[in-house]
Amino acid sequence: MTHDAGRNRIHGQRTLDGVPMTDADRPRYMISVAAELVGMHPQTLRIYEQKGLVNPQRTAGNTRLYSDADVDRLKLIQRLTGEWGLNLAGVERVLRMEDELERLRRRMERMEHEMRRALDEVHRHYRRDLVLYRPPQAPALRRDNDKRN
């Protein structure tokens, strides 16, 4: 399983899979700091990386750098194994579903944005093409006094 596979290498302000990089995705912590933040041994983080549960970014010198999103993911793994009693295969399955859910959520947001933009465009055309309709008015009725004169 790969966690956000395109996120491993950064290119400008976007990841290689085209998703804009957020502040939570920026690499910040070396393995010892990340391990301390989540209360794990650094070797545990290496095992999780080897199993594809977490995918820290790397420097040019191949040093692992963990982002806030990686730390949050490690905390989720800890909760799944500790509180829920899942083994790593179960954790992998849950994380895969979480990743798919997030991918679908982003896709839905993108499609909703496109739909709203297209709808706005249709409404702009309506306003341009609409002509105010005024029904013809019946001629004014003459009063009886007007007929006698």
Foldseek 3Di string as FASTA:
>chain_A
DADPVQLQDDDPQAGNVGHGDDQQSDFDAFLVVLCVLQVHDSVVVVVCVVVNQARFHADPVRTGTHGNVRSVSVNVVCCCCPVVVDDVVVSVVVSVVVRVVVVVVVVVVVVVVVVVVVVVVVVVVCVVPDDDDDDDDDPDDDDPVVVVD
